């Protein structure tokens, strides 16, 4: 990044005014202090217990709490996230050369401490996730919280972790609001999201499907759905497309017949599926039953992991999708090959983006701790904000310090015909790998205003 801070500059970021006044008052009460002594006094005051620190960093282990979706409409993604976190923890604890390519200061564990994971089922419910995160911080002294698929869960979690001064990393969160109006000082999103996905896929869709198309939307009724549909409308209409209907459905819907009948009664020729996880699979299968796929192209701007397996190659063929990672990226990025090989060896499966973002967030958190030489939460946050660029399975990656949005590359893909598949996992041809930096929203566009470190 051109505006990358050095870690030293980041760690010198101003503390809150009340901390300075408090330190100054202590100096007056204690008599005159030399300037150097005053700085030491202020530094000591600044590092009083915060969140689970220092208790969570005092032993020979460090705990990461993981509220993930093990049941509910996003359970397939949550289960894969759990795998990604475990693979990263195993490699950190082994001091694997594979994870040192991302976190080069790693030796064994994090700052020499063995990484322990705790997993709870968030059930795709914000309240359940918040309760689990709070328990992990208070009872287990978690120094990091991670995991999400629903953006409603992610936003709730980043807010509680901000209150608890504990770094939080989403796994999947597609809403524009996560690093927009709901951004938090202690919240980080590595994955691409609705705005980025739609800005990237709209011109590709116009080229693949043609200009002047008429789009019908299936939108889940929560923050991810509404903001992603808004972005897709914005960028597709710039390409000459017209929105003819937007059918809004509840999260976890099973029956899409009423929404599909409404779509069938329009002249739409592209079905834009913003629905995610099991919702997307159910919607597309039922669209086939209603005969819609015989006359409509399918566009999935933000595809969930395993959608292709859930609906099958016959329905996925020809669809244009955005996704965070595809295993054939191993042909482009050496670190991707390492990741795919290690994941397949451990789980006998090819990883999707849910596993990738879980694995990579853990590695980048460890890297930040090693660079900060501390688990002290503000120091870790400032290390992440410094914009250090690392080689990852999706190429060069970092966080933008101003809003904590990940700068990551991601593929736009086209579903292959069953006859074109070379193996059971060969569902897609990569049309384009999008440079993440090129589709980031301008700073301030989505309303992010960071709070204080303390």
Protein backbone atom coordinates (compact mmCIF):
# COMPACT_ATOMS: atom_id res chain seq x y z
CA UNK A 1 0.00 0.00 0.00
CA UNK A 2 1.23 3.49 -0.82
CA UNK A 3 -0.02 4.84 2.48
CA UNK A 4 1.31 1.95 4.57
CA UNK A 5 2.34 2.94 8.08
CA UNK A 6 5.39 1.50 9.73
CA UNK A 7 4.57 -0.52 12.81
CA UNK A 8 6.50 1.95 14.91
CA UNK A 9 4.34 4.79 13.62
CA UNK A 10 1.19 2.79 14.26
CA UNK A 11 2.15 2.00 17.84
CA UNK A 12 2.71 5.71 18.44
CA UNK A 13 -0.90 6.51 17.51
CA UNK A 14 -2.53 8.91 20.00
CA UNK A 15 -4.27 7.50 23.04
CA UNK A 16 -7.49 8.98 24.32
CA UNK A 17 -7.32 12.44 25.88
CA UNK A 18 -8.54 11.19 29.24
CA UNK A 19 -5.59 8.76 29.42
CA UNK A 20 -3.17 11.63 28.85
CA UNK A 21 -4.90 13.83 31.43
CA UNK A 22 -4.91 10.98 33.92
CA UNK A 23 -1.20 10.40 33.43
CA UNK A 24 -0.52 14.14 33.75
CA UNK A 25 -2.51 14.37 36.97
CA UNK A 26 -0.56 11.47 38.43
CA UNK A 27 2.67 13.28 37.55
CA UNK A 28 1.55 16.48 39.31
CA UNK A 29 0.44 14.55 42.37
CA UNK A 30 3.77 12.79 42.58
CA UNK A 31 5.87 15.93 42.10
CA UNK A 32 7.86 17.12 39.11
CA UNK A 33 8.99 14.38 36.69
CA UNK A 34 11.70 14.50 34.10
CA UNK A 35 10.32 14.31 30.53
CA UNK A 36 11.57 10.75 30.05
CA UNK A 37 10.07 9.64 33.33
CA UNK A 38 6.76 11.22 32.34
CA UNK A 39 6.70 9.21 29.12
CA UNK A 40 7.37 5.99 31.04
CA UNK A 41 4.58 6.81 33.48
CA UNK A 42 2.15 7.44 30.66
CA UNK A 43 3.12 4.20 28.90
CA UNK A 44 2.59 2.19 32.08
CA UNK A 45 -0.80 3.84 32.63
CA UNK A 46 -1.76 3.09 29.04
CA UNK A 47 -1.23 -0.64 29.52
CA UNK A 48 -3.57 -1.40 32.35
CA UNK A 49 -5.61 -4.62 31.95
CA UNK A 50 -7.77 -4.49 28.85
CA UNK A 51 -10.14 -7.13 27.54
CA UNK A 52 -8.70 -10.52 28.47
CA UNK A 53 -5.19 -9.06 28.60
CA UNK A 54 -2.88 -9.71 30.39
CA UNK A 55 -4.55 -12.81 31.89
CA UNK A 56 -5.01 -14.41 28.45
CA UNK A 57 -1.31 -14.05 27.66
CA UNK A 58 0.24 -15.12 30.97
CA UNK A 59 0.42 -18.91 30.57
CA UNK A 60 2.01 -21.13 27.97
CA UNK A 61 -1.15 -21.21 25.81
CA UNK A 62 -3.27 -18.59 24.05
CA UNK A 63 -6.97 -19.10 23.39
CA UNK A 64 -8.99 -18.27 20.26
CA UNK A 65 -12.80 -18.38 20.51
CA UNK A 66 -14.76 -19.45 17.45
CA UNK A 67 -18.54 -18.97 17.30
CA UNK A 68 -19.33 -20.58 13.92
CA UNK A 69 -22.47 -21.86 12.20
CA UNK A 70 -22.65 -25.59 12.85
CA UNK A 71 -26.43 -25.69 12.42
CA UNK A 72 -28.82 -23.50 10.43
CA UNK A 73 -28.82 -22.38 6.78
CA UNK A 74 -25.08 -21.61 6.78
CA UNK A 75 -23.86 -24.75 8.55
CA UNK A 76 -21.83 -26.04 5.57
CA UNK A 77 -19.82 -22.82 5.54
CA UNK A 78 -19.41 -22.83 9.34
CA UNK A 79 -18.11 -26.38 9.35
CA UNK A 80 -15.54 -25.51 6.70
CA UNK A 81 -14.48 -22.46 8.67
CA UNK A 82 -13.83 -24.67 11.68
CA UNK A 83 -11.55 -26.78 9.51
CA UNK A 84 -9.64 -23.72 8.30
CA UNK A 85 -9.07 -22.44 11.85
CA UNK A 86 -7.87 -25.85 12.98
CA UNK A 87 -5.42 -26.18 10.08
CA UNK A 88 -3.94 -22.76 10.88
CA UNK A 89 -3.64 -23.58 14.59
CA UNK A 90 -1.95 -26.90 13.82
CA UNK A 91 0.57 -25.23 11.51
CA UNK A 92 1.29 -22.44 14.02
CA UNK A 93 1.84 -24.92 16.82
CA UNK A 94 4.14 -27.01 14.63
CA UNK A 95 6.04 -23.96 13.42
CA UNK A 96 5.27 -25.14 9.89
CA UNK A 97 7.22 -23.55 7.06
CA UNK A 98 3.89 -23.25 5.20
CA UNK A 99 2.37 -20.76 7.60
CA UNK A 100 5.69 -18.94 7.97
CA UNK A 101 5.26 -17.84 4.37
CA UNK A 102 2.35 -15.72 5.65
CA UNK A 103 3.63 -15.07 9.18
CA UNK A 104 7.42 -15.03 8.72
CA UNK A 105 8.26 -14.29 12.37
CA UNK A 106 6.44 -17.41 13.57
CA UNK A 107 8.59 -20.03 15.27
CA UNK A 108 6.28 -22.30 17.26
CA UNK A 109 2.87 -21.20 18.38
CA UNK A 110 2.26 -17.45 18.73
CA UNK A 111 4.93 -15.63 20.72
CA UNK A 112 5.98 -19.12 21.83
CA UNK A 113 2.53 -19.98 23.19
CA UNK A 114 0.51 -22.97 22.02
CA UNK A 115 -2.72 -21.97 20.27
CA UNK A 116 -5.88 -23.48 21.74
CA UNK A 117 -9.24 -23.26 19.98
CA UNK A 118 -12.73 -23.23 21.44
CA UNK A 119 -15.71 -23.77 19.14
CA UNK A 120 -19.38 -22.91 19.74
CA UNK A 121 -22.39 -23.19 17.45
CA UNK A 122 -23.68 -19.71 16.66
CA UNK A 123 -26.76 -21.23 14.96
CA UNK A 124 -26.71 -18.30 12.45
CA UNK A 125 -28.22 -16.19 15.28
CA UNK A 126 -26.60 -12.92 16.46
CA UNK A 127 -27.62 -13.34 20.10
CA UNK A 128 -26.25 -16.88 20.28
CA UNK A 129 -22.97 -15.78 18.70
CA UNK A 130 -22.62 -12.80 21.05
CA UNK A 131 -23.21 -14.97 24.10
CA UNK A 132 -20.58 -17.44 22.94
CA UNK A 133 -18.04 -14.70 22.21
CA UNK A 134 -18.63 -13.13 25.62
CA UNK A 135 -18.12 -16.47 27.37
CA UNK A 136 -14.92 -17.08 25.45
CA UNK A 137 -13.54 -13.68 26.48
CA UNK A 138 -14.61 -13.78 30.13
CA UNK A 139 -14.23 -17.48 30.93
CA UNK A 140 -11.45 -18.59 28.57
CA UNK A 141 -9.57 -15.28 28.35
CA UNK A 142 -9.69 -15.34 24.55
CA UNK A 143 -7.19 -13.05 22.86
CA UNK A 144 -8.94 -13.36 19.49
CA UNK A 145 -12.51 -14.08 18.40
CA UNK A 146 -13.31 -15.17 14.86
CA UNK A 147 -16.01 -16.69 12.70
CA UNK A 148 -19.18 -15.70 10.84
CA UNK A 149 -21.21 -16.33 7.73
CA UNK A 150 -24.23 -14.13 8.36
CA UNK A 151 -23.38 -10.44 8.31
CA UNK A 152 -25.96 -9.86 11.04
CA UNK A 153 -23.87 -12.19 13.20
CA UNK A 154 -20.61 -10.56 12.11
CA UNK A 155 -21.79 -7.04 12.93
CA UNK A 156 -23.11 -8.10 16.33
CA UNK A 157 -19.85 -9.89 17.09
CA UNK A 158 -17.60 -7.02 16.08
CA UNK A 159 -19.61 -4.71 18.32
CA UNK A 160 -19.34 -6.93 21.39
CA UNK A 161 -15.64 -7.56 20.74
CA UNK A 162 -15.06 -3.85 20.35
CA UNK A 163 -16.70 -3.31 23.72
CA UNK A 164 -14.49 -6.05 25.17
CA UNK A 165 -11.33 -4.73 23.44
CA UNK A 166 -10.69 -8.09 21.80
CA UNK A 167 -9.64 -8.38 18.13
CA UNK A 168 -12.41 -9.95 16.05
CA UNK A 169 -12.12 -11.33 12.51
CA UNK A 170 -15.11 -12.16 10.35
CA UNK A 171 -14.84 -15.28 8.24
CA UNK A 172 -17.59 -14.54 5.70
CA UNK A 173 -19.54 -11.28 5.79
CA UNK A 174 -20.94 -9.84 2.58
CA UNK A 175 -22.72 -6.74 3.89
CA UNK A 176 -21.39 -3.33 2.91
CA UNK A 177 -22.06 -2.22 6.48
CA UNK A 178 -19.54 -4.51 8.21
CA UNK A 179 -16.60 -2.25 7.37
CA UNK A 180 -18.93 0.64 6.51
CA UNK A 181 -21.29 2.32 8.95
CA UNK A 182 -20.84 -0.52 11.46
CA UNK A 183 -17.02 -0.63 11.36
CA UNK A 184 -15.33 -1.09 14.73
CA UNK A 185 -11.80 -0.43 15.95
CA UNK A 186 -11.43 -4.07 17.03
CA UNK A 187 -13.23 -5.58 14.04
CA UNK A 188 -11.50 -6.80 10.85
CA UNK A 189 -12.95 -8.22 7.67
CA UNK A 190 -10.52 -10.02 5.39
CA UNK A 191 -13.00 -11.28 2.79
CA UNK A 192 -14.33 -9.42 -0.23
CA UNK A 193 -17.93 -8.25 0.18
CA UNK A 194 -21.02 -7.09 -1.69
CA UNK A 195 -19.75 -3.79 -3.07
CA UNK A 196 -16.46 -5.33 -4.26
CA UNK A 197 -18.16 -8.40 -5.71
CA UNK A 198 -20.76 -6.41 -7.64
CA UNK A 199 -18.35 -3.79 -8.94
CA UNK A 200 -16.17 -6.63 -10.24
CA UNK A 201 -18.81 -8.92 -11.69
CA UNK A 202 -21.11 -6.37 -13.38
CA UNK A 203 -18.85 -5.61 -16.37
CA UNK A 204 -18.01 -9.30 -16.75
CA UNK A 205 -21.72 -10.16 -16.73
CA UNK A 206 -22.41 -7.51 -19.35
CA UNK A 207 -19.73 -9.06 -21.55
CA UNK A 208 -20.85 -12.65 -20.91
CA UNK A 209 -24.63 -12.17 -21.00
CA UNK A 210 -24.91 -8.97 -23.02
CA UNK A 211 -25.97 -5.38 -22.45
CA UNK A 212 -29.58 -4.30 -21.93
CA UNK A 213 -30.47 -7.33 -19.85
CA UNK A 214 -33.47 -7.39 -17.50
CA UNK A 215 -32.70 -8.64 -14.00
CA UNK A 216 -34.86 -10.26 -11.32
CA UNK A 217 -33.41 -10.47 -7.81
CA UNK A 218 -33.84 -12.96 -4.97
CA UNK A 219 -32.73 -11.06 -1.85
CA UNK A 220 -32.50 -12.34 1.75
CA UNK A 221 -34.14 -9.93 4.17
CA UNK A 222 -31.18 -8.72 6.23
CA UNK A 223 -28.18 -6.45 5.92
CA UNK A 224 -26.14 -8.64 3.55
CA UNK A 225 -29.03 -9.09 1.14
CA UNK A 226 -30.17 -5.50 1.02
CA UNK A 227 -26.73 -3.93 0.64
CA UNK A 228 -25.52 -6.47 -1.93
CA UNK A 229 -28.65 -6.08 -4.06
CA UNK A 230 -28.26 -2.29 -3.87
CA UNK A 231 -24.67 -2.57 -5.11
CA UNK A 232 -25.56 -5.02 -7.88
CA UNK A 233 -28.32 -2.74 -9.11
CA UNK A 234 -25.94 0.22 -9.06
CA UNK A 235 -23.17 -1.42 -11.05
CA UNK A 236 -25.33 -3.49 -13.43
CA UNK A 237 -27.47 -0.49 -14.36
CA UNK A 238 -24.28 1.32 -15.33
CA UNK A 239 -23.81 -1.51 -17.84
CA UNK A 240 -27.25 -0.92 -19.35
CA UNK A 241 -29.18 -3.53 -17.34
CA UNK A 242 -32.65 -2.89 -15.97
CA UNK A 243 -34.06 -4.17 -12.67
CA UNK A 244 -37.58 -5.50 -13.20
CA UNK A 245 -38.29 -7.03 -9.77
CA UNK A 246 -36.64 -7.60 -6.39
CA UNK A 247 -38.16 -10.46 -4.42
CA UNK A 248 -37.22 -10.23 -0.74
CA UNK A 249 -37.43 -13.46 1.27
CA UNK A 250 -36.71 -14.34 4.92
CA UNK A 251 -33.41 -15.93 5.90
CA UNK A 252 -33.82 -19.70 6.01
CA UNK A 253 -36.86 -19.80 3.68
CA UNK A 254 -37.75 -23.24 2.38
CA UNK A 255 -40.51 -22.44 -0.13
CA UNK A 256 -39.73 -19.91 -2.87
CA UNK A 257 -42.80 -20.55 -5.01
CA UNK A 258 -44.49 -17.19 -4.41
CA UNK A 259 -41.29 -15.29 -5.22
CA UNK A 260 -40.61 -17.38 -8.32
CA UNK A 261 -44.18 -16.94 -9.61
CA UNK A 262 -43.71 -13.18 -9.33
CA UNK A 263 -40.47 -13.44 -11.29
CA UNK A 264 -42.10 -15.67 -13.92
CA UNK A 265 -44.69 -12.97 -14.50
CA UNK A 266 -42.02 -10.50 -15.60
CA UNK A 267 -39.90 -10.36 -18.74
CA UNK A 268 -36.65 -10.80 -16.78
CA UNK A 269 -33.92 -12.76 -18.56
CA UNK A 270 -31.30 -12.88 -15.75
CA UNK A 271 -31.95 -14.36 -12.31
CA UNK A 272 -29.66 -12.63 -9.80
CA UNK A 273 -29.39 -14.88 -6.76
CA UNK A 274 -28.22 -12.82 -3.79
CA UNK A 275 -29.50 -15.58 -1.48
CA UNK A 276 -26.67 -17.45 0.25
CA UNK A 277 -25.98 -20.94 1.56
CA UNK A 278 -28.91 -23.36 1.74
CA UNK A 279 -31.23 -20.49 0.74
CA UNK A 280 -29.46 -20.09 -2.61
CA UNK A 281 -29.50 -23.85 -3.24
CA UNK A 282 -33.22 -24.15 -2.49
CA UNK A 283 -34.06 -21.11 -4.61
CA UNK A 284 -32.13 -22.29 -7.68
CA UNK A 285 -33.50 -25.85 -7.49
CA UNK A 286 -37.04 -24.52 -7.30
CA UNK A 287 -36.36 -22.05 -10.12
CA UNK A 288 -35.49 -25.06 -12.26
CA UNK A 289 -38.73 -26.77 -11.30
CA UNK A 290 -40.68 -23.65 -12.31
CA UNK A 291 -38.95 -23.66 -15.71
CA UNK A 292 -37.22 -20.33 -15.12
CA UNK A 293 -33.73 -21.61 -15.84
CA UNK A 294 -34.78 -22.63 -19.35
CA UNK A 295 -35.18 -18.96 -20.29
CA UNK A 296 -32.98 -17.10 -17.81
CA UNK A 297 -29.25 -16.76 -17.17
CA UNK A 298 -28.08 -17.20 -13.56
CA UNK A 299 -25.83 -14.68 -11.84
CA UNK A 300 -24.60 -15.21 -8.26
CA UNK A 301 -22.48 -12.18 -7.31
CA UNK A 302 -21.48 -13.57 -3.91
CA UNK A 303 -21.55 -17.35 -4.05
CA UNK A 304 -21.50 -19.47 -0.93
CA UNK A 305 -19.11 -22.37 -0.52
CA UNK A 306 -20.56 -25.69 -1.75
CA UNK A 307 -23.45 -24.19 -3.72
CA UNK A 308 -22.13 -26.04 -6.76
CA UNK A 309 -22.29 -29.37 -4.93
CA UNK A 310 -25.72 -28.67 -3.48
CA UNK A 311 -27.37 -27.89 -6.85
CA UNK A 312 -25.12 -30.01 -9.10
CA UNK A 313 -23.23 -29.28 -12.30
CA UNK A 314 -26.35 -29.47 -14.49
CA UNK A 315 -27.82 -26.40 -12.80
CA UNK A 316 -24.53 -24.62 -12.22
CA UNK A 317 -23.34 -24.80 -15.84
CA UNK A 318 -23.21 -21.42 -17.50
CA UNK A 319 -23.85 -19.51 -14.26
CA UNK A 320 -21.57 -16.57 -13.56
CA UNK A 321 -20.44 -16.34 -9.93
CA UNK A 322 -18.16 -14.44 -7.61
CA UNK A 323 -16.35 -16.40 -4.91
CA UNK A 324 -13.52 -15.73 -2.50
CA UNK A 325 -11.26 -18.61 -3.54
CA UNK A 326 -11.16 -21.55 -5.90
CA UNK A 327 -8.72 -24.40 -5.60
CA UNK A 328 -7.36 -24.00 -9.16
CA UNK A 329 -5.79 -20.74 -8.01
CA UNK A 330 -2.97 -23.05 -6.92
CA UNK A 331 -1.83 -22.81 -10.53
CA UNK A 332 -1.28 -19.06 -10.07
CA UNK A 333 -0.15 -18.57 -6.47
CA UNK A 334 2.47 -20.82 -4.81
CA UNK A 335 0.99 -20.25 -1.33
CA UNK A 336 -2.39 -21.40 -2.68
CA UNK A 337 -0.82 -24.71 -3.71
CA UNK A 338 0.58 -25.12 -0.18
CA UNK A 339 -2.82 -24.39 1.33
CA UNK A 340 -4.80 -26.66 -0.99
CA UNK A 341 -2.35 -29.53 -0.52
CA UNK A 342 -2.34 -29.24 3.27
CA UNK A 343 -6.13 -28.90 3.49
CA UNK A 344 -6.75 -31.86 1.19
CA UNK A 345 -4.30 -34.00 3.15
CA UNK A 346 -6.00 -33.22 6.47
CA UNK A 347 -9.66 -33.25 5.38
CA UNK A 348 -9.68 -35.21 2.10
CA UNK A 349 -11.52 -32.34 0.42
CA UNK A 350 -10.83 -29.26 -1.65
CA UNK A 351 -11.10 -26.00 0.31
CA UNK A 352 -13.50 -23.21 -0.58
CA UNK A 353 -13.45 -19.61 0.56
CA UNK A 354 -14.89 -20.31 4.02
CA UNK A 355 -11.82 -22.38 4.88
CA UNK A 356 -9.45 -19.94 3.19
CA UNK A 357 -10.62 -16.87 5.09
CA UNK A 358 -10.60 -18.71 8.42
CA UNK A 359 -7.09 -20.02 7.85
CA UNK A 360 -5.74 -16.73 6.56
CA UNK A 361 -7.27 -14.53 9.30
CA UNK A 362 -5.63 -16.72 11.92
CA UNK A 363 -2.27 -16.50 10.19
CA UNK A 364 -2.48 -12.72 9.80
CA UNK A 365 -3.50 -12.28 13.46
CA UNK A 366 -0.48 -14.35 14.49
CA UNK A 367 1.72 -12.28 12.19
CA UNK A 368 0.41 -9.05 13.78
CA UNK A 369 1.10 -10.34 17.30
CA UNK A 370 4.63 -11.32 16.34
CA UNK A 371 5.29 -7.95 14.74
CA UNK A 372 3.84 -6.10 17.74
CA UNK A 373 5.82 -8.37 20.09
CA UNK A 374 2.76 -8.26 22.30
CA UNK A 375 -0.77 -9.57 22.81
CA UNK A 376 -1.82 -6.18 24.19
CA UNK A 377 -4.98 -5.55 22.14
CA UNK A 378 -4.29 -1.97 20.94
CA UNK A 379 -0.80 -2.97 19.83
CA UNK A 380 -2.18 -5.92 17.83
CA UNK A 381 -4.82 -3.69 16.22
CA UNK A 382 -2.19 -1.10 15.28
CA UNK A 383 0.02 -3.81 13.80
CA UNK A 384 -2.89 -4.94 11.61
CA UNK A 385 -3.61 -1.33 10.63
CA UNK A 386 -0.01 -0.77 9.57
CA UNK A 387 -0.84 -2.27 6.16
CA UNK A 388 1.84 -4.96 6.10
CA UNK A 389 1.47 -6.89 2.84
CA UNK A 390 1.85 -10.67 2.93
CA UNK A 391 1.92 -13.44 0.34
CA UNK A 392 -1.23 -15.54 0.71
CA UNK A 393 -3.25 -18.16 -1.19
CA UNK A 394 -5.02 -15.28 -2.98
CA UNK A 395 -1.89 -13.30 -3.77
CA UNK A 396 -0.73 -10.20 -1.91
CA UNK A 397 -3.07 -9.29 0.96
CA UNK A 398 -3.32 -6.73 3.74
CA UNK A 399 -5.83 -4.69 5.71
CA UNK A 400 -6.75 -1.10 4.94
CA UNK A 401 -6.04 0.73 8.18
CA UNK A 402 -8.80 3.29 7.88
CA UNK A 403 -11.72 0.83 7.82
CA UNK A 404 -10.12 -2.59 8.48
CA UNK A 405 -11.26 -3.97 5.13
CA UNK A 406 -9.13 -6.73 3.67
CA UNK A 407 -7.42 -6.02 0.37
CA UNK A 408 -7.64 -9.43 -1.28
CA UNK A 409 -7.94 -10.81 -4.79
CA UNK A 410 -10.87 -13.07 -5.71
CA UNK A 411 -12.10 -14.94 -8.79
CA UNK A 412 -15.07 -14.45 -11.08
CA UNK A 413 -16.03 -17.89 -12.43
CA UNK A 414 -18.27 -19.59 -14.96
CA UNK A 415 -19.92 -22.93 -14.27
CA UNK A 416 -18.63 -25.72 -16.51
CA UNK A 417 -20.76 -28.15 -18.45
CA UNK A 418 -20.69 -31.60 -16.83
CA UNK A 419 -18.89 -32.95 -19.91
CA UNK A 420 -16.08 -30.41 -19.38
CA UNK A 421 -15.33 -31.42 -15.77
CA UNK A 422 -11.97 -33.17 -15.40
CA UNK A 423 -12.69 -34.40 -11.86
CA UNK A 424 -15.59 -34.29 -9.36
CA UNK A 425 -14.44 -30.90 -7.99
CA UNK A 426 -13.84 -29.24 -11.36
CA UNK A 427 -17.04 -27.19 -11.42
CA UNK A 428 -15.71 -23.84 -12.57
CA UNK A 429 -13.53 -22.07 -15.07
CA UNK A 430 -11.95 -18.91 -13.70
CA UNK A 431 -12.91 -16.04 -16.01
CA UNK A 432 -10.93 -13.41 -14.15
CA UNK A 433 -9.00 -12.99 -10.91
CA UNK A 434 -10.01 -9.57 -9.63
CA UNK A 435 -7.38 -7.35 -8.04
CA UNK A 436 -9.01 -6.49 -4.74
CA UNK A 437 -7.57 -3.01 -4.52
CA UNK A 438 -9.21 -2.06 -7.83
CA UNK A 439 -12.75 -2.61 -6.52
CA UNK A 440 -12.47 -1.24 -2.98
CA UNK A 441 -14.96 1.50 -2.17
CA UNK A 442 -13.43 4.98 -1.79
CA UNK A 443 -12.65 5.79 1.82
CA UNK A 444 -15.66 7.27 3.57
CA UNK A 445 -18.20 6.15 0.94
CA UNK A 446 -19.78 3.52 3.19
CA UNK A 447 -19.72 5.63 6.34
CA UNK A 448 -16.96 4.07 8.45
CA UNK A 449 -15.94 6.15 11.47
CA UNK A 450 -13.51 4.37 13.77
CA UNK A 451 -13.69 4.71 17.53
CA UNK A 452 -10.86 4.84 20.06
CA UNK A 453 -8.40 2.10 20.95
CA UNK A 454 -9.26 2.32 24.64
